[in-house]
Amino acid sequence: MSFYPDIILSSLEEINCSFLKENNIQGLIIDLDDTLVMHGKSEIPKASQKLLEMLKSNGFSVVVMSNNTKKRAEPLCKRLDVDFVYSSRKPFLRGYRLALKKLNLPAKNICAIGDQLLSDIVGANRMGFLSVYIPPLTKKGGFTVRVKRIIERPFVKIIRKIKK
């Protein structure tokens, strides 16, 4: 069970279609809270909108995946015009398998992007996806998220040093 991401980026804006195509990526699974939108907020950042438009216009399939409820995920994903999996219980595989079924692609052709090593990256690595870590949009979040971030902090620092 590896929480070591394949790639570390500073933000969503660093995602590059050429790189994805060179790595035979055809579909993406992107975390919702603190990756695409700020935790608990309904505003969608321009960078997130721009990324999804770019991916879709370049022929990539996208599924948004969230540990949050349908009530939280559905309105945002409708506005973003993307399919979604809610209550996914990352890093457990059930949600990833649902996303994989929606994408209808082999695991080797999928990239998963998220802001949490212990859920997003562990789950992506268990599925055999290309895993991409980006820092969270906010430092806030629920109690369990804050605890996970405290646990993850030293590992993120080590991984960043190794990746340089």
N, C-alpha and C. Protein backbone atom coordinates (compact mmCIF):
# COMPACT_ATOMS: atom_id res chain seq x y z
N MET A 1 0.86 -1.18 0.00
CA MET A 1 0.00 0.00 0.00
C MET A 1 0.90 1.23 0.00
N SER A 2 1.11 1.81 -1.16
CA SER A 2 2.02 2.93 -1.31
C SER A 2 1.28 4.27 -1.32
N PHE A 3 1.77 5.20 -0.52
CA PHE A 3 1.22 6.56 -0.54
C PHE A 3 2.17 7.49 -1.27
N TYR A 4 3.12 6.92 -2.00
CA TYR A 4 4.10 7.68 -2.76
C TYR A 4 3.51 7.98 -4.15
N PRO A 5 3.23 9.24 -4.46
CA PRO A 5 2.62 9.55 -5.77
C PRO A 5 3.62 9.42 -6.91
N ASP A 6 3.12 9.11 -8.08
CA ASP A 6 3.98 9.07 -9.26
C ASP A 6 4.49 10.47 -9.61
N ILE A 7 3.63 11.45 -9.40
CA ILE A 7 3.96 12.84 -9.77
C ILE A 7 3.45 13.78 -8.69
N ILE A 8 4.23 14.82 -8.42
CA ILE A 8 3.79 15.89 -7.52
C ILE A 8 3.76 17.18 -8.32
N LEU A 9 2.62 17.87 -8.28
CA LEU A 9 2.48 19.16 -8.94
C LEU A 9 2.16 20.23 -7.91
N SER A 10 2.39 21.48 -8.28
CA SER A 10 2.09 22.60 -7.37
C SER A 10 0.63 22.99 -7.41
N SER A 11 -0.03 22.72 -8.56
CA SER A 11 -1.44 23.09 -8.70
C SER A 11 -2.04 22.37 -9.91
N LEU A 12 -3.35 22.47 -10.04
CA LEU A 12 -4.04 21.89 -11.20
C LEU A 12 -3.56 22.49 -12.51
N GLU A 13 -3.14 23.75 -12.46
CA GLU A 13 -2.72 24.44 -13.68
C GLU A 13 -1.49 23.82 -14.33
N GLU A 14 -0.78 22.98 -13.61
CA GLU A 14 0.41 22.33 -14.16
C GLU A 14 0.06 21.07 -14.97
N ILE A 15 -1.18 20.65 -14.94
CA ILE A 15 -1.57 19.45 -15.68
C ILE A 15 -1.51 19.77 -17.17
N ASN A 16 -0.85 18.87 -17.89
CA ASN A 16 -0.51 19.12 -19.28
C ASN A 16 -1.05 17.99 -20.15
N CYS A 17 -1.85 18.33 -21.15
CA CYS A 17 -2.44 17.32 -22.03
C CYS A 17 -1.37 16.54 -22.79
N SER A 18 -0.31 17.20 -23.20
CA SER A 18 0.77 16.51 -23.92
C SER A 18 1.37 15.41 -23.06
N PHE A 19 1.65 15.73 -21.80
CA PHE A 19 2.21 14.74 -20.89
C PHE A 19 1.25 13.57 -20.72
N LEU A 20 -0.03 13.87 -20.54
CA LEU A 20 -1.02 12.81 -20.37
C LEU A 20 -1.06 11.91 -21.60
N LYS A 21 -1.07 12.50 -22.78
CA LYS A 21 -1.11 11.71 -24.02
C LYS A 21 0.16 10.88 -24.19
N GLU A 22 1.33 11.46 -23.86
CA GLU A 22 2.59 10.73 -23.95
C GLU A 22 2.59 9.51 -23.04
N ASN A 23 1.86 9.57 -21.95
CA ASN A 23 1.77 8.47 -21.00
C ASN A 23 0.52 7.60 -21.22
N ASN A 24 -0.09 7.75 -22.38
CA ASN A 24 -1.25 6.94 -22.78
C ASN A 24 -2.44 7.08 -21.84
N ILE A 25 -2.57 8.23 -21.21
CA ILE A 25 -3.71 8.49 -20.33
C ILE A 25 -4.89 8.92 -21.19
N GLN A 26 -6.04 8.28 -20.97
CA GLN A 26 -7.25 8.62 -21.71
C GLN A 26 -8.37 9.10 -20.79
N GLY A 27 -8.24 8.78 -19.50
CA GLY A 27 -9.26 9.16 -18.54
C GLY A 27 -8.65 9.64 -17.24
N LEU A 28 -9.37 10.53 -16.57
CA LEU A 28 -8.89 11.06 -15.30
C LEU A 28 -9.96 10.93 -14.22
N ILE A 29 -9.50 10.61 -13.03
CA ILE A 29 -10.35 10.62 -11.84
C ILE A 29 -9.79 11.73 -10.97
N ILE A 30 -10.61 12.73 -10.69
CA ILE A 30 -10.14 13.90 -9.95
C ILE A 30 -10.95 14.04 -8.67
N ASP A 31 -10.25 14.20 -7.57
CA ASP A 31 -10.88 14.42 -6.27
C ASP A 31 -11.63 15.75 -6.29
N LEU A 32 -12.71 15.83 -5.53
CA LEU A 32 -13.53 17.04 -5.49
C LEU A 32 -13.04 18.06 -4.47
N ASP A 33 -13.21 17.75 -3.19
CA ASP A 33 -12.93 18.73 -2.13
C ASP A 33 -11.44 18.96 -1.91
N ASP A 34 -11.05 20.20 -2.02
CA ASP A 34 -9.69 20.69 -1.86
C ASP A 34 -8.76 20.32 -3.00
N THR A 35 -9.31 19.71 -4.06
CA THR A 35 -8.55 19.52 -5.29
C THR A 35 -9.18 20.38 -6.39
N LEU A 36 -10.48 20.17 -6.66
CA LEU A 36 -11.19 20.99 -7.65
C LEU A 36 -11.85 22.22 -7.03
N VAL A 37 -12.43 22.05 -5.86
CA VAL A 37 -13.11 23.16 -5.17
C VAL A 37 -12.67 23.17 -3.71
N MET A 38 -12.78 24.34 -3.09
CA MET A 38 -12.43 24.44 -1.68
C MET A 38 -13.43 23.64 -0.84
N HIS A 39 -12.91 22.98 0.16
CA HIS A 39 -13.74 22.16 1.04
C HIS A 39 -14.91 22.97 1.59
N GLY A 40 -16.12 22.45 1.38
CA GLY A 40 -17.32 23.08 1.93
C GLY A 40 -17.83 24.30 1.17
N LYS A 41 -17.16 24.69 0.11
CA LYS A 41 -17.57 25.87 -0.66
C LYS A 41 -18.28 25.44 -1.94
N SER A 42 -19.10 26.34 -2.47
CA SER A 42 -19.81 26.03 -3.71
C SER A 42 -19.24 26.79 -4.91
N GLU A 43 -18.31 27.70 -4.67
CA GLU A 43 -17.68 28.41 -5.78
C GLU A 43 -16.68 27.48 -6.47
N ILE A 44 -16.70 27.52 -7.79
CA ILE A 44 -15.78 26.69 -8.56
C ILE A 44 -14.67 27.59 -9.08
N PRO A 45 -13.43 27.35 -8.67
CA PRO A 45 -12.32 28.20 -9.13
C PRO A 45 -12.17 28.15 -10.66
N LYS A 46 -11.75 29.27 -11.21
CA LYS A 46 -11.55 29.35 -12.67
C LYS A 46 -10.55 28.31 -13.15
N ALA A 47 -9.51 28.05 -12.35
CA ALA A 47 -8.50 27.06 -12.74
C ALA A 47 -9.12 25.68 -12.91
N SER A 48 -10.07 25.33 -12.07
CA SER A 48 -10.74 24.03 -12.17
C SER A 48 -11.62 23.97 -13.41
N GLN A 49 -12.37 25.03 -13.65
CA GLN A 49 -13.21 25.08 -14.85
C GLN A 49 -12.36 24.99 -16.11
N LYS A 50 -11.28 25.74 -16.12
CA LYS A 50 -10.38 25.77 -17.28
C LYS A 50 -9.76 24.39 -17.52
N LEU A 51 -9.33 23.74 -16.44
CA LEU A 51 -8.74 22.41 -16.56
C LEU A 51 -9.73 21.42 -17.17
N LEU A 52 -10.94 21.37 -16.64
CA LEU A 52 -11.93 20.42 -17.14
C LEU A 52 -12.30 20.70 -18.58
N GLU A 53 -12.43 21.97 -18.95
CA GLU A 53 -12.71 22.32 -20.35
C GLU A 53 -11.58 21.85 -21.25
N MET A 54 -10.33 22.08 -20.81
CA MET A 54 -9.17 21.67 -21.61
C MET A 54 -9.14 20.15 -21.77
N LEU A 55 -9.35 19.43 -20.68
CA LEU A 55 -9.31 17.97 -20.75
C LEU A 55 -10.39 17.44 -21.69
N LYS A 56 -11.61 17.91 -21.52
CA LYS A 56 -12.72 17.43 -22.35
C LYS A 56 -12.52 17.80 -23.81
N SER A 57 -12.04 19.00 -24.08
CA SER A 57 -11.84 19.42 -25.48
C SER A 57 -10.69 18.66 -26.14
N ASN A 58 -9.82 18.06 -25.35
CA ASN A 58 -8.73 17.25 -25.88
C ASN A 58 -9.05 15.76 -25.86
N GLY A 59 -10.31 15.41 -25.62
CA GLY A 59 -10.75 14.03 -25.75
C GLY A 59 -10.58 13.16 -24.52
N PHE A 60 -10.23 13.73 -23.39
CA PHE A 60 -10.09 12.95 -22.16
C PHE A 60 -11.45 12.77 -21.50
N SER A 61 -11.67 11.61 -20.93
CA SER A 61 -12.86 11.36 -20.12
C SER A 61 -12.52 11.70 -18.67
N VAL A 62 -13.48 12.28 -17.96
CA VAL A 62 -13.23 12.71 -16.58
C VAL A 62 -14.36 12.25 -15.67
N VAL A 63 -13.98 11.71 -14.52
CA VAL A 63 -14.92 11.40 -13.45
C VAL A 63 -14.39 12.07 -12.19
N VAL A 64 -15.27 12.79 -11.51
CA VAL A 64 -14.91 13.39 -10.23
C VAL A 64 -15.29 12.40 -9.14
N MET A 65 -14.40 12.24 -8.18
CA MET A 65 -14.64 11.27 -7.12
C MET A 65 -14.56 11.97 -5.77
N SER A 66 -15.52 11.67 -4.90
CA SER A 66 -15.57 12.34 -3.61
C SER A 66 -15.97 11.38 -2.50
N ASN A 67 -15.35 11.58 -1.35
CA ASN A 67 -15.79 10.86 -0.15
C ASN A 67 -17.03 11.53 0.44
N ASN A 68 -17.38 12.68 -0.08
CA ASN A 68 -18.51 13.44 0.42
C ASN A 68 -19.83 12.85 -0.10
N THR A 69 -20.92 13.43 0.31
CA THR A 69 -22.26 12.93 -0.02
C THR A 69 -22.70 13.33 -1.43
N LYS A 70 -23.76 12.68 -1.89
CA LYS A 70 -24.36 13.03 -3.17
C LYS A 70 -24.85 14.48 -3.13
N LYS A 71 -25.40 14.89 -1.99
CA LYS A 71 -25.90 16.26 -1.84
C LYS A 71 -24.79 17.28 -2.07
N ARG A 72 -23.58 16.96 -1.69
CA ARG A 72 -22.44 17.86 -1.90
C ARG A 72 -21.91 17.73 -3.33
N ALA A 73 -21.71 16.52 -3.81
CA ALA A 73 -21.04 16.29 -5.09
C ALA A 73 -21.90 16.60 -6.31
N GLU A 74 -23.15 16.20 -6.29
CA GLU A 74 -23.99 16.30 -7.49
C GLU A 74 -24.14 17.72 -8.03
N PRO A 75 -24.50 18.73 -7.22
CA PRO A 75 -24.68 20.07 -7.80
C PRO A 75 -23.39 20.63 -8.40
N LEU A 76 -22.26 20.37 -7.75
CA LEU A 76 -20.99 20.87 -8.29
C LEU A 76 -20.63 20.17 -9.59
N CYS A 77 -20.81 18.86 -9.63
CA CYS A 77 -20.46 18.10 -10.83
C CYS A 77 -21.40 18.40 -11.99
N LYS A 78 -22.66 18.70 -11.70
CA LYS A 78 -23.58 19.12 -12.76
C LYS A 78 -23.11 20.44 -13.36
N ARG A 79 -22.71 21.38 -12.50
CA ARG A 79 -22.21 22.67 -12.99
C ARG A 79 -20.91 22.50 -13.79
N LEU A 80 -20.10 21.53 -13.40
CA LEU A 80 -18.85 21.26 -14.11
C LEU A 80 -19.07 20.36 -15.33
N ASP A 81 -20.27 19.80 -15.47
CA ASP A 81 -20.62 18.92 -16.57
C ASP A 81 -19.71 17.69 -16.63
N VAL A 82 -19.56 17.04 -15.46
CA VAL A 82 -18.76 15.81 -15.40
C VAL A 82 -19.51 14.75 -14.60
N ASP A 83 -19.20 13.51 -14.93
CA ASP A 83 -19.75 12.38 -14.18
C ASP A 83 -19.05 12.32 -12.82
N PHE A 84 -19.64 11.63 -11.86
CA PHE A 84 -19.06 11.62 -10.52
C PHE A 84 -19.39 10.35 -9.76
N VAL A 85 -18.58 10.10 -8.74
CA VAL A 85 -18.80 9.04 -7.77
C VAL A 85 -18.77 9.72 -6.42
N TYR A 86 -19.81 9.52 -5.61
CA TYR A 86 -19.88 10.12 -4.29
C TYR A 86 -19.80 9.03 -3.21
N SER A 87 -19.58 9.44 -1.98
CA SER A 87 -19.44 8.49 -0.86
C SER A 87 -18.50 7.35 -1.23
N SER A 88 -17.39 7.70 -1.84
CA SER A 88 -16.49 6.69 -2.42
C SER A 88 -15.65 5.93 -1.41
N ARG A 89 -15.50 6.48 -0.21
CA ARG A 89 -14.76 5.82 0.87
C ARG A 89 -13.31 5.53 0.50
N LYS A 90 -12.67 6.49 -0.19
CA LYS A 90 -11.25 6.33 -0.51
C LYS A 90 -10.47 6.19 0.79
N PRO A 91 -9.50 5.32 0.86
CA PRO A 91 -8.79 4.62 -0.21
C PRO A 91 -9.34 3.24 -0.55
N PHE A 92 -10.49 2.86 0.03
CA PHE A 92 -11.07 1.57 -0.33
C PHE A 92 -11.42 1.56 -1.82
N LEU A 93 -11.44 0.40 -2.40
CA LEU A 93 -11.48 0.29 -3.87
C LEU A 93 -12.86 0.40 -4.49
N ARG A 94 -13.93 0.27 -3.73
CA ARG A 94 -15.28 0.29 -4.30
C ARG A 94 -15.52 1.53 -5.16
N GLY A 95 -15.21 2.69 -4.64
CA GLY A 95 -15.42 3.94 -5.39
C GLY A 95 -14.56 4.01 -6.63
N TYR A 96 -13.32 3.55 -6.51
CA TYR A 96 -12.43 3.55 -7.67
C TYR A 96 -12.95 2.60 -8.75
N ARG A 97 -13.48 1.47 -8.33
CA ARG A 97 -14.04 0.52 -9.31
C ARG A 97 -15.26 1.12 -10.02
N LEU A 98 -16.08 1.85 -9.29
CA LEU A 98 -17.23 2.53 -9.92
C LEU A 98 -16.74 3.57 -10.94
N ALA A 99 -15.72 4.34 -10.56
CA ALA A 99 -15.17 5.34 -11.48
C ALA A 99 -14.56 4.66 -12.71
N LEU A 100 -13.86 3.56 -12.49
CA LEU A 100 -13.26 2.80 -13.58
C LEU A 100 -14.33 2.30 -14.55
N LYS A 101 -15.44 1.82 -13.99
CA LYS A 101 -16.56 1.35 -14.83
C LYS A 101 -17.14 2.51 -15.64
N LYS A 102 -17.29 3.69 -15.02
CA LYS A 102 -17.82 4.85 -15.74
C LYS A 102 -16.89 5.28 -16.87
N LEU A 103 -15.58 5.20 -16.63
CA LEU A 103 -14.62 5.59 -17.66
C LEU A 103 -14.50 4.54 -18.76
N ASN A 104 -14.76 3.27 -18.41
CA ASN A 104 -14.68 2.16 -19.37
C ASN A 104 -13.31 2.12 -20.06
N LEU A 105 -12.27 2.21 -19.24
CA LEU A 105 -10.89 2.18 -19.73
C LEU A 105 -10.07 1.24 -18.86
N PRO A 106 -8.96 0.72 -19.39
CA PRO A 106 -8.06 -0.06 -18.53
C PRO A 106 -7.39 0.86 -17.50
N ALA A 107 -7.06 0.30 -16.35
CA ALA A 107 -6.43 1.08 -15.28
C ALA A 107 -5.15 1.77 -15.75
N LYS A 108 -4.40 1.14 -16.63
CA LYS A 108 -3.13 1.72 -17.09
C LYS A 108 -3.32 3.01 -17.88
N ASN A 109 -4.56 3.28 -18.32
CA ASN A 109 -4.84 4.49 -19.10
C ASN A 109 -5.54 5.57 -18.28
N ILE A 110 -5.45 5.44 -16.95
CA ILE A 110 -6.14 6.39 -16.07
C ILE A 110 -5.15 7.09 -15.15
N CYS A 111 -5.39 8.37 -14.97
CA CYS A 111 -4.63 9.20 -14.04
C CYS A 111 -5.59 9.66 -12.95
N ALA A 112 -5.18 9.51 -11.70
CA ALA A 112 -5.99 9.98 -10.57
C ALA A 112 -5.26 11.13 -9.89
N ILE A 113 -5.99 12.21 -9.63
CA ILE A 113 -5.41 13.42 -9.05
C ILE A 113 -6.10 13.73 -7.74
N GLY A 114 -5.31 14.00 -6.70
CA GLY A 114 -5.90 14.34 -5.41
C GLY A 114 -4.94 15.03 -4.48
N ASP A 115 -5.48 15.50 -3.37
CA ASP A 115 -4.72 16.30 -2.40
C ASP A 115 -4.39 15.55 -1.11
N GLN A 116 -4.75 14.28 -1.01
CA GLN A 116 -4.48 13.53 0.22
C GLN A 116 -3.74 12.23 -0.09
N LEU A 117 -2.57 12.09 0.52
CA LEU A 117 -1.78 10.88 0.31
C LEU A 117 -2.51 9.65 0.81
N LEU A 118 -3.11 9.75 2.00
CA LEU A 118 -3.68 8.57 2.65
C LEU A 118 -5.01 8.11 2.08
N SER A 119 -5.62 8.89 1.23
CA SER A 119 -6.85 8.44 0.59
C SER A 119 -6.71 8.45 -0.92
N ASP A 120 -6.51 9.62 -1.51
CA ASP A 120 -6.46 9.73 -2.98
C ASP A 120 -5.30 8.94 -3.59
N ILE A 121 -4.11 9.13 -3.06
CA ILE A 121 -2.92 8.51 -3.66
C ILE A 121 -2.85 7.02 -3.35
N VAL A 122 -3.11 6.64 -2.11
CA VAL A 122 -3.11 5.21 -1.76
C VAL A 122 -4.10 4.45 -2.64
N GLY A 123 -5.31 4.95 -2.78
CA GLY A 123 -6.32 4.28 -3.60
C GLY A 123 -5.92 4.20 -5.06
N ALA A 124 -5.40 5.30 -5.59
CA ALA A 124 -4.97 5.32 -7.00
C ALA A 124 -3.85 4.31 -7.24
N ASN A 125 -2.89 4.26 -6.33
CA ASN A 125 -1.79 3.31 -6.48
C ASN A 125 -2.27 1.87 -6.37
N ARG A 126 -3.20 1.62 -5.47
CA ARG A 126 -3.75 0.26 -5.33
C ARG A 126 -4.44 -0.20 -6.62
N MET A 127 -5.03 0.75 -7.34
CA MET A 127 -5.74 0.42 -8.59
C MET A 127 -4.80 0.34 -9.79
N GLY A 128 -3.57 0.81 -9.65
CA GLY A 128 -2.63 0.80 -10.77
C GLY A 128 -2.76 2.02 -11.67
N PHE A 129 -3.36 3.09 -11.17
CA PHE A 129 -3.48 4.34 -11.93
C PHE A 129 -2.19 5.15 -11.80
N LEU A 130 -1.96 6.05 -12.73
CA LEU A 130 -0.93 7.07 -12.57
C LEU A 130 -1.45 8.01 -11.48
N SER A 131 -0.69 8.19 -10.41
CA SER A 131 -1.17 9.00 -9.29
C SER A 131 -0.47 10.35 -9.26
N VAL A 132 -1.27 11.40 -9.10
CA VAL A 132 -0.75 12.77 -9.06
C VAL A 132 -1.23 13.45 -7.79
N TYR A 133 -0.27 13.95 -7.02
CA TYR A 133 -0.58 14.69 -5.80
C TYR A 133 -0.47 16.18 -6.07
N ILE A 134 -1.47 16.93 -5.62
CA ILE A 134 -1.36 18.39 -5.60
C ILE A 134 -1.70 18.85 -4.19
N PRO A 135 -1.12 19.96 -3.75
CA PRO A 135 -1.45 20.45 -2.41
C PRO A 135 -2.92 20.86 -2.32
N PRO A 136 -3.51 20.77 -1.14
CA PRO A 136 -4.92 21.15 -0.98
C PRO A 136 -5.14 22.63 -1.23
N LEU A 137 -6.33 22.96 -1.73
CA LEU A 137 -6.69 24.36 -1.96
C LEU A 137 -6.79 25.14 -0.66
N THR A 138 -7.16 24.46 0.43
CA THR A 138 -7.27 25.13 1.74
C THR A 138 -6.64 24.26 2.81
N LYS A 139 -6.39 24.85 3.92
CA LYS A 139 -5.87 24.11 5.08
C LYS A 139 -7.02 23.63 5.97
N LYS A 140 -8.24 24.00 5.61
CA LYS A 140 -9.41 23.67 6.43
C LYS A 140 -9.88 22.26 6.12
N GLY A 141 -11.05 21.94 6.55
CA GLY A 141 -11.61 20.62 6.32
C GLY A 141 -12.16 20.09 7.63
N GLY A 142 -12.80 18.97 7.53
CA GLY A 142 -13.35 18.35 8.73
C GLY A 142 -12.25 17.83 9.65
N PHE A 143 -12.64 17.38 10.82
CA PHE A 143 -11.68 16.90 11.82
C PHE A 143 -10.78 15.80 11.26
N THR A 144 -11.38 14.79 10.61
CA THR A 144 -10.57 13.67 10.11
C THR A 144 -9.59 14.12 9.04
N VAL A 145 -10.00 15.07 8.19
CA VAL A 145 -9.11 15.59 7.16
C VAL A 145 -7.94 16.32 7.81
N ARG A 146 -8.21 17.12 8.82
CA ARG A 146 -7.14 17.85 9.51
C ARG A 146 -6.16 16.89 10.17
N VAL A 147 -6.67 15.82 10.77
CA VAL A 147 -5.80 14.82 11.39
C VAL A 147 -4.94 14.15 10.33
N LYS A 148 -5.55 13.77 9.20
CA LYS A 148 -4.79 13.14 8.12
C LYS A 148 -3.70 14.07 7.60
N ARG A 149 -4.01 15.35 7.48
CA ARG A 149 -3.01 16.32 6.99
C ARG A 149 -1.82 16.42 7.95
N ILE A 150 -2.08 16.36 9.24
CA ILE A 150 -0.99 16.39 10.22
C ILE A 150 -0.11 15.15 10.05
N ILE A 151 -0.73 14.00 9.87
CA ILE A 151 0.02 12.76 9.66
C ILE A 151 0.79 12.81 8.34
N GLU A 152 0.18 13.36 7.29
CA GLU A 152 0.79 13.39 5.96
C GLU A 152 1.93 14.40 5.83
N ARG A 153 1.88 15.48 6.60
CA ARG A 153 2.81 16.59 6.42
C ARG A 153 4.28 16.16 6.32
N PRO A 154 4.81 15.35 7.25
CA PRO A 154 6.23 14.98 7.11
C PRO A 154 6.51 14.14 5.86
N PHE A 155 5.55 13.30 5.47
CA PHE A 155 5.73 12.48 4.28
C PHE A 155 5.74 13.33 3.01
N VAL A 156 4.87 14.34 2.96
CA VAL A 156 4.84 15.25 1.81
C VAL A 156 6.19 15.95 1.69
N LYS A 157 6.75 16.41 2.80
CA LYS A 157 8.06 17.08 2.77
C LYS A 157 9.14 16.15 2.25
N ILE A 158 9.15 14.91 2.73
CA ILE A 158 10.15 13.94 2.28
C ILE A 158 9.99 13.64 0.80
N ILE A 159 8.76 13.41 0.36
CA ILE A 159 8.51 13.09 -1.04
C ILE A 159 8.92 14.25 -1.94
N ARG A 160 8.64 15.48 -1.53
CA ARG A 160 9.04 16.64 -2.33
C ARG A 160 10.56 16.71 -2.46
N LYS A 161 11.30 16.42 -1.40
CA LYS A 161 12.76 16.42 -1.46
C LYS A 161 13.26 15.35 -2.42
N ILE A 162 12.67 14.17 -2.35
CA ILE A 162 13.08 13.07 -3.22
C ILE A 162 12.80 13.39 -4.68
N LYS A 163 11.66 14.01 -4.96
CA LYS A 163 11.24 14.29 -6.34
C LYS A 163 12.03 15.42 -6.99
N LYS A 164 12.77 16.23 -6.20
CA LYS A 164 13.52 17.36 -6.78
C LYS A 164 14.70 16.92 -7.57
